[in-house]
Structure formats: C-alpha cells, structure tokens
Amino acid sequence: MVLQIKTDYIISPTKGDYALIDHIEAIPSIAYCYRARLIENSLSEALITLCKEYQECIDAFSILLADEIEREISEYQLCLKYNNSKLFDLKVYDHYVTFFTKYRTADGLLDNYRW
C-alpha cells in the first residue's frame, strides 16, 4: 500500500493530538514504513515521551515494558486523517517523523494491535 495523499494530519481522535505532515514518502527498504516532514506539531509531550520510551525499551530488549507503553500509545488511536490509515511505531524528530501503517509482530504485519 502506497499512501496517495502526500500532505496529511496525524491525528488522535481520542486525545485531540495532531501534527501536520507533508512530503510523505515510503522508505524503500522497509515495508509499510514512511517518513514525512513535520510542519506543525501539536502532539502532546505525553505522547512524544511515550513514543521515545517505547523505542528505548525496544532498543534495550525490555519487551514487557515496551508492551505496557505500547498499550498506552494505542489509546491515542493514531491515524492519518486524509489517507484513512492507522499509524504505528511513531517516531518524532525535530523536523520529521517516521511511522508504519501496519502493526509489526514476530508473526507478520497486522492491520491493528493484537488487543
């Protein structure tokens, strides 16, 4: 699946967070992974911190803690507004973001979280 709309909003319908992104492009070597320029960031510090902590747990092979944090992130129900796609594994940098449009598991790619 290739995202057709290259300017979009990352939104949280449950928490009200959002970010305007553009120049959405697939990362060729990683299936369902995208990078986009961050234009307007109104994502909460709580969400950004959760995303950073999640990645730190993954890097440290602390899977149980990562699962707990991921459950908290899932409560945001992150998605792309105009591309009508769910969003997973969000990483927020100063001027860009990366994310997946499929949920990665050891058993393959899923359209949603397991829970």
N, C-alpha and C. Protein backbone atom coordinates (compact mmCIF):
# COMPACT_ATOMS: atom_id res chain seq x y z
N MET A 1 0.84 -1.18 0.00
CA MET A 1 0.00 0.00 0.00
C MET A 1 0.89 1.25 0.00
N VAL A 2 0.65 2.10 -0.94
CA VAL A 2 1.37 3.37 -1.01
C VAL A 2 0.39 4.48 -0.63
N LEU A 3 0.80 5.35 0.25
CA LEU A 3 -0.05 6.46 0.64
C LEU A 3 -0.15 7.44 -0.53
N GLN A 4 -1.37 7.73 -0.95
CA GLN A 4 -1.60 8.55 -2.13
C GLN A 4 -1.51 10.05 -1.84
N ILE A 5 -1.98 10.45 -0.68
CA ILE A 5 -2.02 11.87 -0.32
C ILE A 5 -0.72 12.21 0.40
N LYS A 6 0.02 13.17 -0.11
CA LYS A 6 1.36 13.46 0.39
C LYS A 6 1.41 14.54 1.48
N THR A 7 0.27 15.19 1.74
CA THR A 7 0.15 16.12 2.87
C THR A 7 -1.03 15.63 3.70
N ASP A 8 -0.82 15.46 4.98
CA ASP A 8 -1.86 14.85 5.81
C ASP A 8 -1.69 15.31 7.25
N TYR A 9 -2.63 14.89 8.07
CA TYR A 9 -2.56 15.12 9.52
C TYR A 9 -2.44 13.78 10.22
N ILE A 10 -1.51 13.68 11.16
CA ILE A 10 -1.52 12.60 12.14
C ILE A 10 -2.49 13.07 13.21
N ILE A 11 -3.50 12.28 13.49
CA ILE A 11 -4.48 12.70 14.49
C ILE A 11 -4.71 11.61 15.53
N SER A 12 -5.15 12.06 16.69
CA SER A 12 -5.63 11.17 17.74
C SER A 12 -7.09 11.55 17.99
N PRO A 13 -8.03 10.75 17.49
CA PRO A 13 -9.43 11.09 17.71
C PRO A 13 -9.86 11.00 19.17
N THR A 14 -9.09 10.29 19.99
CA THR A 14 -9.46 10.14 21.40
C THR A 14 -8.82 11.18 22.31
N LYS A 15 -7.66 11.71 21.93
CA LYS A 15 -6.93 12.62 22.81
C LYS A 15 -6.80 14.04 22.27
N GLY A 16 -7.09 14.23 20.98
CA GLY A 16 -7.02 15.57 20.40
C GLY A 16 -5.66 15.98 19.88
N ASP A 17 -4.67 15.13 20.00
CA ASP A 17 -3.34 15.44 19.47
C ASP A 17 -3.39 15.46 17.94
N TYR A 18 -2.53 16.27 17.33
CA TYR A 18 -2.40 16.24 15.87
C TYR A 18 -1.06 16.82 15.45
N ALA A 19 -0.70 16.50 14.22
CA ALA A 19 0.51 17.07 13.61
C ALA A 19 0.27 17.13 12.11
N LEU A 20 0.62 18.25 11.51
CA LEU A 20 0.54 18.40 10.06
C LEU A 20 1.87 17.93 9.47
N ILE A 21 1.78 17.02 8.50
CA ILE A 21 2.98 16.49 7.85
C ILE A 21 2.83 16.61 6.33
N ASP A 22 3.97 16.70 5.65
CA ASP A 22 3.93 16.68 4.19
C ASP A 22 5.15 15.95 3.66
N HIS A 23 5.24 15.85 2.35
CA HIS A 23 6.31 15.09 1.69
C HIS A 23 6.37 13.67 2.25
N ILE A 24 5.21 13.04 2.40
CA ILE A 24 5.16 11.67 2.90
C ILE A 24 5.76 10.76 1.83
N GLU A 25 6.77 10.00 2.22
CA GLU A 25 7.40 9.10 1.26
C GLU A 25 7.70 7.76 1.92
N ALA A 26 7.53 6.70 1.16
CA ALA A 26 7.85 5.37 1.64
C ALA A 26 9.35 5.22 1.79
N ILE A 27 9.76 4.49 2.81
CA ILE A 27 11.17 4.14 2.96
C ILE A 27 11.34 2.82 2.21
N PRO A 28 12.05 2.84 1.10
CA PRO A 28 12.07 1.70 0.18
C PRO A 28 12.49 0.36 0.79
N SER A 29 13.39 0.37 1.73
CA SER A 29 13.93 -0.88 2.26
C SER A 29 13.09 -1.48 3.39
N ILE A 30 12.03 -0.78 3.82
CA ILE A 30 11.23 -1.25 4.96
C ILE A 30 9.75 -1.19 4.58
N ALA A 31 9.10 -2.35 4.54
CA ALA A 31 7.69 -2.42 4.14
C ALA A 31 6.80 -1.63 5.09
N TYR A 32 5.90 -0.85 4.51
CA TYR A 32 4.89 -0.07 5.24
C TYR A 32 5.48 0.99 6.17
N CYS A 33 6.71 1.38 5.92
CA CYS A 33 7.36 2.42 6.72
C CYS A 33 7.45 3.70 5.90
N TYR A 34 7.16 4.83 6.55
CA TYR A 34 7.14 6.13 5.88
C TYR A 34 7.90 7.16 6.69
N ARG A 35 8.34 8.17 5.96
CA ARG A 35 8.98 9.34 6.55
C ARG A 35 8.23 10.54 6.01
N ALA A 36 8.07 11.58 6.84
CA ALA A 36 7.39 12.80 6.41
C ALA A 36 7.98 14.00 7.13
N ARG A 37 7.91 15.13 6.46
CA ARG A 37 8.37 16.38 7.07
C ARG A 37 7.30 16.86 8.05
N LEU A 38 7.73 17.28 9.21
CA LEU A 38 6.84 17.78 10.25
C LEU A 38 6.67 19.29 10.08
N ILE A 39 5.45 19.71 9.76
CA ILE A 39 5.15 21.12 9.50
C ILE A 39 4.63 21.81 10.77
N GLU A 40 3.66 21.18 11.40
CA GLU A 40 3.07 21.73 12.63
C GLU A 40 2.93 20.60 13.63
N ASN A 41 3.51 20.77 14.80
CA ASN A 41 3.50 19.72 15.80
C ASN A 41 2.64 20.13 16.99
N SER A 42 1.46 19.55 17.08
CA SER A 42 0.61 19.74 18.25
C SER A 42 0.37 18.40 18.94
N LEU A 43 1.39 17.55 18.87
CA LEU A 43 1.35 16.29 19.62
C LEU A 43 1.74 16.60 21.06
N SER A 44 1.06 15.99 21.99
CA SER A 44 1.33 16.27 23.40
C SER A 44 2.70 15.74 23.81
N GLU A 45 3.28 16.39 24.80
CA GLU A 45 4.55 15.91 25.36
C GLU A 45 4.39 14.50 25.90
N ALA A 46 3.20 14.20 26.43
CA ALA A 46 2.95 12.85 26.97
C ALA A 46 3.09 11.80 25.87
N LEU A 47 2.51 12.05 24.71
CA LEU A 47 2.60 11.10 23.60
C LEU A 47 4.03 11.00 23.09
N ILE A 48 4.69 12.12 22.90
CA ILE A 48 6.07 12.11 22.41
C ILE A 48 6.97 11.34 23.37
N THR A 49 6.78 11.56 24.66
CA THR A 49 7.57 10.85 25.68
C THR A 49 7.29 9.35 25.63
N LEU A 50 6.02 8.97 25.50
CA LEU A 50 5.68 7.55 25.39
C LEU A 50 6.36 6.92 24.18
N CYS A 51 6.35 7.61 23.06
CA CYS A 51 6.99 7.08 21.85
C CYS A 51 8.49 6.90 22.05
N LYS A 52 9.13 7.86 22.71
CA LYS A 52 10.58 7.75 22.99
C LYS A 52 10.86 6.60 23.95
N GLU A 53 10.05 6.50 25.01
CA GLU A 53 10.25 5.44 25.99
C GLU A 53 10.04 4.06 25.36
N TYR A 54 9.05 3.97 24.49
CA TYR A 54 8.79 2.71 23.79
C TYR A 54 10.03 2.29 23.00
N GLN A 55 10.60 3.22 22.25
CA GLN A 55 11.78 2.90 21.44
C GLN A 55 12.97 2.53 22.32
N GLU A 56 13.14 3.22 23.45
CA GLU A 56 14.22 2.89 24.37
C GLU A 56 14.07 1.47 24.92
N CYS A 57 12.84 1.08 25.22
CA CYS A 57 12.58 -0.28 25.71
C CYS A 57 12.89 -1.32 24.63
N ILE A 58 12.50 -1.04 23.40
CA ILE A 58 12.80 -1.95 22.30
C ILE A 58 14.31 -2.08 22.12
N ASP A 59 15.00 -0.96 22.14
CA ASP A 59 16.46 -0.97 21.97
C ASP A 59 17.16 -1.75 23.09
N ALA A 60 16.56 -1.72 24.30
CA ALA A 60 17.14 -2.40 25.45
C ALA A 60 16.60 -3.83 25.62
N PHE A 61 15.80 -4.30 24.65
CA PHE A 61 15.19 -5.63 24.70
C PHE A 61 14.32 -5.82 25.94
N SER A 62 13.69 -4.76 26.39
CA SER A 62 12.78 -4.81 27.53
C SER A 62 11.35 -4.91 27.00
N ILE A 63 11.01 -6.09 26.53
CA ILE A 63 9.75 -6.29 25.81
C ILE A 63 8.53 -6.10 26.71
N LEU A 64 8.58 -6.54 27.95
CA LEU A 64 7.42 -6.38 28.83
C LEU A 64 7.10 -4.91 29.06
N LEU A 65 8.13 -4.10 29.32
CA LEU A 65 7.90 -2.66 29.49
C LEU A 65 7.42 -2.03 28.19
N ALA A 66 7.99 -2.47 27.07
CA ALA A 66 7.58 -1.94 25.77
C ALA A 66 6.10 -2.23 25.53
N ASP A 67 5.65 -3.43 25.89
CA ASP A 67 4.23 -3.78 25.71
C ASP A 67 3.32 -2.87 26.52
N GLU A 68 3.71 -2.58 27.75
CA GLU A 68 2.91 -1.69 28.60
C GLU A 68 2.81 -0.29 27.98
N ILE A 69 3.93 0.22 27.53
CA ILE A 69 3.95 1.55 26.92
C ILE A 69 3.16 1.56 25.62
N GLU A 70 3.30 0.49 24.85
CA GLU A 70 2.57 0.41 23.58
C GLU A 70 1.06 0.40 23.80
N ARG A 71 0.62 -0.23 24.86
CA ARG A 71 -0.82 -0.20 25.19
C ARG A 71 -1.28 1.23 25.46
N GLU A 72 -0.45 2.00 26.17
CA GLU A 72 -0.79 3.40 26.42
C GLU A 72 -0.83 4.19 25.12
N ILE A 73 0.13 3.96 24.25
CA ILE A 73 0.15 4.65 22.95
C ILE A 73 -1.08 4.28 22.14
N SER A 74 -1.50 3.02 22.21
CA SER A 74 -2.65 2.57 21.41
C SER A 74 -3.94 3.30 21.80
N GLU A 75 -4.00 3.81 23.02
CA GLU A 75 -5.18 4.56 23.46
C GLU A 75 -5.36 5.86 22.67
N TYR A 76 -4.31 6.32 22.03
CA TYR A 76 -4.39 7.53 21.20
C TYR A 76 -5.05 7.25 19.85
N GLN A 77 -5.11 5.98 19.46
CA GLN A 77 -5.70 5.58 18.18
C GLN A 77 -5.17 6.42 17.01
N LEU A 78 -3.86 6.53 16.93
CA LEU A 78 -3.23 7.39 15.93
C LEU A 78 -3.57 6.93 14.51
N CYS A 79 -3.83 7.91 13.66
CA CYS A 79 -4.15 7.61 12.27
C CYS A 79 -3.83 8.82 11.39
N LEU A 80 -3.84 8.57 10.09
CA LEU A 80 -3.68 9.63 9.10
C LEU A 80 -5.07 10.03 8.64
N LYS A 81 -5.38 11.30 8.77
CA LYS A 81 -6.73 11.79 8.51
C LYS A 81 -7.18 11.57 7.06
N TYR A 82 -6.41 12.04 6.09
CA TYR A 82 -6.84 12.00 4.69
C TYR A 82 -6.49 10.70 3.99
N ASN A 83 -5.42 10.05 4.40
CA ASN A 83 -5.08 8.76 3.82
C ASN A 83 -5.89 7.62 4.44
N ASN A 84 -6.64 7.94 5.49
CA ASN A 84 -7.52 6.98 6.15
C ASN A 84 -6.76 5.69 6.50
N SER A 85 -5.67 5.86 7.24
CA SER A 85 -4.82 4.74 7.59
C SER A 85 -4.41 4.84 9.05
N LYS A 86 -4.42 3.70 9.73
CA LYS A 86 -3.91 3.68 11.10
C LYS A 86 -2.40 3.85 11.07
N LEU A 87 -1.87 4.26 12.21
CA LEU A 87 -0.45 4.60 12.29
C LEU A 87 0.16 3.91 13.51
N PHE A 88 1.33 3.33 13.34
CA PHE A 88 2.01 2.59 14.40
C PHE A 88 3.47 2.99 14.48
N ASP A 89 4.06 2.75 15.64
CA ASP A 89 5.51 2.96 15.85
C ASP A 89 5.96 4.35 15.41
N LEU A 90 5.25 5.36 15.89
CA LEU A 90 5.57 6.75 15.56
C LEU A 90 6.87 7.18 16.24
N LYS A 91 7.74 7.78 15.45
CA LYS A 91 8.96 8.39 15.99
C LYS A 91 8.94 9.85 15.58
N VAL A 92 9.12 10.74 16.55
CA VAL A 92 9.05 12.18 16.30
C VAL A 92 10.44 12.78 16.49
N TYR A 93 10.92 13.43 15.45
CA TYR A 93 12.21 14.11 15.47
C TYR A 93 11.95 15.61 15.36
N ASP A 94 12.99 16.41 15.31
CA ASP A 94 12.81 17.86 15.25
C ASP A 94 12.01 18.32 14.05
N HIS A 95 12.35 17.81 12.87
CA HIS A 95 11.72 18.32 11.65
C HIS A 95 11.06 17.24 10.81
N TYR A 96 11.00 16.01 11.31
CA TYR A 96 10.35 14.95 10.55
C TYR A 96 9.84 13.86 11.50
N VAL A 97 9.04 12.97 10.94
CA VAL A 97 8.51 11.83 11.68
C VAL A 97 8.71 10.58 10.83
N THR A 98 8.74 9.43 11.49
CA THR A 98 8.65 8.16 10.79
C THR A 98 7.55 7.35 11.45
N PHE A 99 6.95 6.47 10.67
CA PHE A 99 5.84 5.66 11.19
C PHE A 99 5.59 4.48 10.27
N PHE A 100 4.80 3.54 10.75
CA PHE A 100 4.36 2.39 9.97
C PHE A 100 2.85 2.47 9.80
N THR A 101 2.35 1.90 8.71
CA THR A 101 0.90 1.82 8.50
C THR A 101 0.38 0.41 8.77
N LYS A 102 1.26 -0.46 9.19
CA LYS A 102 0.89 -1.81 9.64
C LYS A 102 1.56 -2.03 10.98
N TYR A 103 0.92 -2.86 11.81
CA TYR A 103 1.46 -3.20 13.12
C TYR A 103 2.40 -4.39 12.96
N ARG A 104 3.66 -4.19 13.31
CA ARG A 104 4.66 -5.24 13.14
C ARG A 104 4.67 -6.19 14.33
N THR A 105 4.66 -7.48 14.04
CA THR A 105 4.77 -8.52 15.07
C THR A 105 5.77 -9.56 14.59
N ALA A 106 6.15 -10.45 15.48
CA ALA A 106 7.05 -11.54 15.10
C ALA A 106 6.37 -12.47 14.09
N ASP A 107 5.03 -12.47 14.10
CA ASP A 107 4.27 -13.33 13.20
C ASP A 107 3.90 -12.66 11.88
N GLY A 108 4.30 -11.42 11.71
CA GLY A 108 3.99 -10.71 10.47
C GLY A 108 3.34 -9.37 10.73
N LEU A 109 2.76 -8.81 9.70
CA LEU A 109 2.15 -7.48 9.77
C LEU A 109 0.64 -7.59 9.97
N LEU A 110 0.12 -6.74 10.86
CA LEU A 110 -1.32 -6.74 11.15
C LEU A 110 -1.89 -5.35 10.87
N ASP A 111 -3.20 -5.29 10.69
CA ASP A 111 -3.88 -4.02 10.45
C ASP A 111 -4.17 -3.26 11.74
N ASN A 112 -4.05 -3.94 12.88
CA ASN A 112 -4.36 -3.31 14.16
C ASN A 112 -3.55 -3.99 15.26
N TYR A 113 -3.59 -3.39 16.45
CA TYR A 113 -2.95 -4.01 17.60
C TYR A 113 -3.63 -5.35 17.90
N ARG A 114 -2.93 -6.21 18.61
CA ARG A 114 -3.48 -7.54 18.93
C ARG A 114 -4.60 -7.48 19.96
N TRP A 115 -4.65 -6.44 20.76
CA TRP A 115 -5.66 -6.38 21.82
C TRP A 115 -6.86 -5.60 21.40
